[in-house]
Amino acid sequence: MPKVKLTTVVEGDILSGDVVVEDTMLFEAGTVLVPKTIRILDILGVRLIDIEPRLRRVFASTADVVANIDERFSYVAGDPFMDALKNTLKDIILTLRAREMP
């Protein structure tokens, strides 16, 4: 993919090329961008990077996402507010994923 502006990348984008600043490799191709990585690149003045086409991404299965939500909320089990929040998140995920299905 051609270089894209750093201001257009999002969390989860994957570098398709190494990022080198002043002869120092900061991040290798294949690195998944997270907010901290994007901030570091911005602070160091990196304006363009190569990312993998977004269509090639592999997303976690719906079952894995729901299980992750359950795990993250396990420490507050029994709290009515947190249970409601957890169930709302799961409903949102299930609704969005259902829309994406062919």
N, C-alpha and C. Protein backbone atom coordinates (compact mmCIF):
# COMPACT_ATOMS: atom_id res chain seq x y z
N MET A 1 0.85 -1.17 0.00
CA MET A 1 0.00 0.00 0.00
C MET A 1 0.89 1.23 0.00
N PRO A 2 0.47 2.29 -0.67
CA PRO A 2 1.28 3.51 -0.65
C PRO A 2 1.31 4.12 0.75
N LYS A 3 2.24 5.01 0.94
CA LYS A 3 2.34 5.66 2.24
C LYS A 3 1.07 6.45 2.53
N VAL A 4 0.69 6.45 3.80
CA VAL A 4 -0.49 7.21 4.23
C VAL A 4 -0.06 8.20 5.31
N LYS A 5 -0.82 9.25 5.47
CA LYS A 5 -0.53 10.24 6.50
C LYS A 5 -0.77 9.63 7.87
N LEU A 6 0.11 9.95 8.79
CA LEU A 6 -0.04 9.45 10.15
C LEU A 6 -1.38 9.88 10.75
N THR A 7 -1.87 11.03 10.36
CA THR A 7 -3.14 11.52 10.91
C THR A 7 -4.34 10.69 10.46
N THR A 8 -4.15 9.80 9.48
CA THR A 8 -5.27 8.99 9.00
C THR A 8 -5.24 7.56 9.52
N VAL A 9 -4.17 7.17 10.23
CA VAL A 9 -4.11 5.79 10.72
C VAL A 9 -4.98 5.65 11.96
N VAL A 10 -5.40 4.42 12.21
CA VAL A 10 -6.24 4.13 13.37
C VAL A 10 -5.64 2.97 14.13
N GLU A 11 -6.04 2.87 15.39
CA GLU A 11 -5.60 1.74 16.19
C GLU A 11 -5.98 0.45 15.48
N GLY A 12 -5.03 -0.46 15.39
CA GLY A 12 -5.26 -1.73 14.72
C GLY A 12 -4.66 -1.79 13.33
N ASP A 13 -4.30 -0.63 12.75
CA ASP A 13 -3.61 -0.67 11.47
C ASP A 13 -2.28 -1.39 11.67
N ILE A 14 -1.80 -2.02 10.59
CA ILE A 14 -0.58 -2.82 10.66
C ILE A 14 0.47 -2.23 9.72
N LEU A 15 1.67 -2.03 10.24
CA LEU A 15 2.75 -1.49 9.41
C LEU A 15 3.13 -2.51 8.35
N SER A 16 3.24 -2.05 7.11
CA SER A 16 3.69 -2.93 6.04
C SER A 16 5.17 -2.73 5.74
N GLY A 17 5.75 -1.73 6.35
CA GLY A 17 7.18 -1.48 6.19
C GLY A 17 7.77 -1.02 7.51
N ASP A 18 9.09 -1.19 7.63
CA ASP A 18 9.76 -0.74 8.85
C ASP A 18 9.68 0.78 8.94
N VAL A 19 9.64 1.30 10.17
CA VAL A 19 9.69 2.75 10.40
C VAL A 19 11.07 3.07 10.96
N VAL A 20 11.82 3.85 10.19
CA VAL A 20 13.20 4.20 10.56
C VAL A 20 13.30 5.71 10.69
N VAL A 21 13.87 6.17 11.79
CA VAL A 21 14.09 7.60 12.02
C VAL A 21 15.56 7.78 12.36
N GLU A 22 16.24 8.59 11.56
CA GLU A 22 17.66 8.87 11.78
C GLU A 22 18.48 7.59 11.98
N ASP A 23 18.33 6.66 11.06
CA ASP A 23 19.07 5.39 11.06
C ASP A 23 18.73 4.46 12.22
N THR A 24 17.66 4.73 12.93
CA THR A 24 17.23 3.87 14.03
C THR A 24 15.87 3.28 13.69
N MET A 25 15.79 1.94 13.68
CA MET A 25 14.51 1.32 13.40
C MET A 25 13.66 1.41 14.66
N LEU A 26 12.51 2.07 14.53
CA LEU A 26 11.60 2.22 15.66
C LEU A 26 10.63 1.06 15.75
N PHE A 27 10.01 0.73 14.61
CA PHE A 27 9.01 -0.33 14.58
C PHE A 27 9.19 -1.14 13.31
N GLU A 28 9.07 -2.46 13.44
CA GLU A 28 9.22 -3.34 12.28
C GLU A 28 7.91 -3.51 11.55
N ALA A 29 8.01 -3.91 10.29
CA ALA A 29 6.82 -4.27 9.52
C ALA A 29 6.09 -5.35 10.30
N GLY A 30 4.76 -5.27 10.29
CA GLY A 30 3.96 -6.24 11.03
C GLY A 30 3.51 -5.74 12.38
N THR A 31 4.06 -4.60 12.82
CA THR A 31 3.66 -4.02 14.10
C THR A 31 2.21 -3.53 14.01
N VAL A 32 1.42 -3.91 15.01
CA VAL A 32 0.03 -3.43 15.08
C VAL A 32 0.06 -2.11 15.83
N LEU A 33 -0.51 -1.09 15.21
CA LEU A 33 -0.48 0.23 15.82
C LEU A 33 -1.49 0.35 16.96
N VAL A 34 -1.01 0.91 18.05
CA VAL A 34 -1.84 1.21 19.21
C VAL A 34 -1.67 2.71 19.48
N PRO A 35 -2.54 3.30 20.29
CA PRO A 35 -2.43 4.75 20.51
C PRO A 35 -1.03 5.21 20.93
N LYS A 36 -0.37 4.45 21.79
CA LYS A 36 0.98 4.84 22.23
C LYS A 36 1.95 4.88 21.06
N THR A 37 1.88 3.89 20.18
CA THR A 37 2.76 3.84 19.01
C THR A 37 2.52 5.04 18.11
N ILE A 38 1.26 5.36 17.89
CA ILE A 38 0.91 6.49 17.03
C ILE A 38 1.41 7.80 17.64
N ARG A 39 1.28 7.94 18.96
CA ARG A 39 1.79 9.15 19.64
C ARG A 39 3.30 9.27 19.49
N ILE A 40 4.02 8.16 19.66
CA ILE A 40 5.48 8.17 19.53
C ILE A 40 5.88 8.62 18.13
N LEU A 41 5.21 8.07 17.12
CA LEU A 41 5.52 8.46 15.75
C LEU A 41 5.26 9.94 15.53
N ASP A 42 4.17 10.44 16.07
CA ASP A 42 3.83 11.85 15.93
C ASP A 42 4.87 12.73 16.62
N ILE A 43 5.24 12.38 17.83
CA ILE A 43 6.24 13.16 18.59
C ILE A 43 7.57 13.21 17.85
N LEU A 44 7.92 12.09 17.19
CA LEU A 44 9.20 12.03 16.48
C LEU A 44 9.13 12.64 15.08
N GLY A 45 7.98 13.17 14.72
CA GLY A 45 7.86 13.87 13.45
C GLY A 45 7.60 13.00 12.24
N VAL A 46 7.24 11.74 12.46
CA VAL A 46 6.92 10.86 11.34
C VAL A 46 5.57 11.30 10.79
N ARG A 47 5.51 11.58 9.51
CA ARG A 47 4.26 12.07 8.92
C ARG A 47 3.63 11.06 7.96
N LEU A 48 4.43 10.17 7.38
CA LEU A 48 3.92 9.17 6.44
C LEU A 48 4.41 7.79 6.84
N ILE A 49 3.53 6.79 6.75
CA ILE A 49 3.92 5.41 7.03
C ILE A 49 3.22 4.48 6.06
N ASP A 50 3.80 3.28 5.91
CA ASP A 50 3.18 2.24 5.08
C ASP A 50 2.35 1.34 5.98
N ILE A 51 1.08 1.12 5.60
CA ILE A 51 0.25 0.18 6.36
C ILE A 51 -0.32 -0.87 5.42
N GLU A 52 -0.67 -2.01 6.01
CA GLU A 52 -1.31 -3.08 5.25
C GLU A 52 -2.70 -2.61 4.83
N PRO A 53 -3.17 -3.08 3.69
CA PRO A 53 -4.55 -2.75 3.31
C PRO A 53 -5.50 -3.23 4.42
N ARG A 54 -6.46 -2.42 4.74
CA ARG A 54 -7.37 -2.73 5.84
C ARG A 54 -8.27 -3.91 5.53
N LEU A 55 -8.47 -4.25 4.29
CA LEU A 55 -9.33 -5.38 3.93
C LEU A 55 -8.70 -6.72 4.31
N ARG A 56 -7.40 -6.75 4.52
CA ARG A 56 -6.71 -8.00 4.83
C ARG A 56 -6.71 -8.32 6.32
N ARG A 57 -7.30 -7.48 7.13
CA ARG A 57 -7.29 -7.70 8.57
C ARG A 57 -8.09 -8.95 8.94
N VAL A 58 -7.63 -9.59 9.98
CA VAL A 58 -8.35 -10.73 10.54
C VAL A 58 -8.87 -10.31 11.91
N PHE A 59 -10.18 -10.33 12.07
CA PHE A 59 -10.78 -9.91 13.32
C PHE A 59 -11.08 -11.10 14.21
N ALA A 60 -11.10 -10.87 15.49
CA ALA A 60 -11.44 -11.92 16.44
C ALA A 60 -12.88 -12.36 16.21
N SER A 61 -13.14 -13.62 16.49
CA SER A 61 -14.51 -14.12 16.32
C SER A 61 -15.42 -13.46 17.35
N THR A 62 -16.70 -13.45 17.05
CA THR A 62 -17.67 -12.87 17.97
C THR A 62 -17.62 -13.57 19.31
N ALA A 63 -17.51 -14.90 19.29
CA ALA A 63 -17.44 -15.65 20.55
C ALA A 63 -16.23 -15.23 21.38
N ASP A 64 -15.08 -14.99 20.73
CA ASP A 64 -13.89 -14.55 21.45
C ASP A 64 -14.07 -13.15 22.04
N VAL A 65 -14.72 -12.28 21.29
CA VAL A 65 -14.96 -10.91 21.78
C VAL A 65 -15.87 -10.95 23.00
N VAL A 66 -16.95 -11.71 22.92
CA VAL A 66 -17.89 -11.81 24.04
C VAL A 66 -17.19 -12.43 25.25
N ALA A 67 -16.38 -13.46 25.04
CA ALA A 67 -15.64 -14.09 26.14
C ALA A 67 -14.68 -13.09 26.78
N ASN A 68 -14.06 -12.25 25.96
CA ASN A 68 -13.14 -11.24 26.48
C ASN A 68 -13.89 -10.23 27.35
N ILE A 69 -15.07 -9.83 26.91
CA ILE A 69 -15.88 -8.90 27.71
C ILE A 69 -16.22 -9.55 29.05
N ASP A 70 -16.66 -10.80 29.02
CA ASP A 70 -16.98 -11.51 30.27
C ASP A 70 -15.78 -11.54 31.21
N GLU A 71 -14.61 -11.83 30.65
CA GLU A 71 -13.39 -11.91 31.46
C GLU A 71 -13.06 -10.56 32.08
N ARG A 72 -13.15 -9.50 31.29
CA ARG A 72 -12.81 -8.17 31.78
C ARG A 72 -13.76 -7.68 32.87
N PHE A 73 -14.98 -8.16 32.85
CA PHE A 73 -15.95 -7.74 33.86
C PHE A 73 -16.06 -8.73 35.02
N SER A 74 -15.28 -9.80 35.00
CA SER A 74 -15.42 -10.84 36.01
C SER A 74 -15.11 -10.34 37.43
N TYR A 75 -14.23 -9.36 37.55
CA TYR A 75 -13.86 -8.87 38.88
C TYR A 75 -14.95 -8.03 39.54
N VAL A 76 -15.97 -7.65 38.78
CA VAL A 76 -17.07 -6.87 39.35
C VAL A 76 -18.40 -7.62 39.24
N ALA A 77 -18.30 -8.94 39.13
CA ALA A 77 -19.51 -9.75 39.01
C ALA A 77 -20.43 -9.49 40.19
N GLY A 78 -21.71 -9.38 39.90
CA GLY A 78 -22.69 -9.15 40.95
C GLY A 78 -23.05 -7.69 41.15
N ASP A 79 -22.25 -6.78 40.62
CA ASP A 79 -22.58 -5.36 40.70
C ASP A 79 -23.62 -5.07 39.63
N PRO A 80 -24.83 -4.65 40.00
CA PRO A 80 -25.91 -4.48 39.03
C PRO A 80 -25.56 -3.49 37.90
N PHE A 81 -24.89 -2.38 38.27
CA PHE A 81 -24.53 -1.40 37.24
C PHE A 81 -23.54 -1.99 36.24
N MET A 82 -22.51 -2.66 36.77
CA MET A 82 -21.49 -3.23 35.90
C MET A 82 -22.04 -4.38 35.07
N ASP A 83 -22.94 -5.18 35.65
CA ASP A 83 -23.59 -6.25 34.87
C ASP A 83 -24.39 -5.67 33.72
N ALA A 84 -25.10 -4.56 33.99
CA ALA A 84 -25.88 -3.90 32.93
C ALA A 84 -24.96 -3.36 31.85
N LEU A 85 -23.85 -2.77 32.26
CA LEU A 85 -22.88 -2.24 31.30
C LEU A 85 -22.29 -3.37 30.45
N LYS A 86 -21.91 -4.46 31.10
CA LYS A 86 -21.36 -5.62 30.38
C LYS A 86 -22.36 -6.14 29.35
N ASN A 87 -23.60 -6.29 29.76
CA ASN A 87 -24.62 -6.81 28.85
C ASN A 87 -24.91 -5.85 27.70
N THR A 88 -24.85 -4.55 27.98
CA THR A 88 -25.04 -3.56 26.91
C THR A 88 -23.90 -3.66 25.89
N LEU A 89 -22.67 -3.79 26.38
CA LEU A 89 -21.54 -3.94 25.46
C LEU A 89 -21.69 -5.19 24.59
N LYS A 90 -22.09 -6.29 25.21
CA LYS A 90 -22.26 -7.53 24.46
C LYS A 90 -23.37 -7.37 23.41
N ASP A 91 -24.46 -6.69 23.78
CA ASP A 91 -25.55 -6.46 22.83
C ASP A 91 -25.07 -5.62 21.64
N ILE A 92 -24.26 -4.61 21.91
CA ILE A 92 -23.73 -3.76 20.83
C ILE A 92 -22.87 -4.59 19.89
N ILE A 93 -21.96 -5.39 20.46
CA ILE A 93 -21.08 -6.23 19.64
C ILE A 93 -21.90 -7.18 18.79
N LEU A 94 -22.85 -7.85 19.40
CA LEU A 94 -23.66 -8.83 18.66
C LEU A 94 -24.47 -8.15 17.55
N THR A 95 -24.99 -6.96 17.82
CA THR A 95 -25.76 -6.23 16.81
C THR A 95 -24.86 -5.79 15.65
N LEU A 96 -23.70 -5.24 15.98
CA LEU A 96 -22.79 -4.79 14.92
C LEU A 96 -22.28 -5.95 14.09
N ARG A 97 -21.93 -7.04 14.74
CA ARG A 97 -21.42 -8.20 14.01
C ARG A 97 -22.52 -8.82 13.13
N ALA A 98 -23.76 -8.80 13.60
CA ALA A 98 -24.86 -9.35 12.81
C ALA A 98 -25.06 -8.54 11.53
N ARG A 99 -24.84 -7.24 11.60
CA ARG A 99 -24.96 -6.38 10.41
C ARG A 99 -23.87 -6.66 9.38
N GLU A 100 -22.71 -7.11 9.87
CA GLU A 100 -21.58 -7.36 8.98
C GLU A 100 -21.67 -8.70 8.26
N MET A 101 -22.54 -9.58 8.75
CA MET A 101 -22.66 -10.90 8.15
C MET A 101 -23.34 -10.81 6.79
N PRO A 102 -22.82 -11.57 5.81
CA PRO A 102 -23.43 -11.54 4.47
C PRO A 102 -24.79 -12.22 4.45
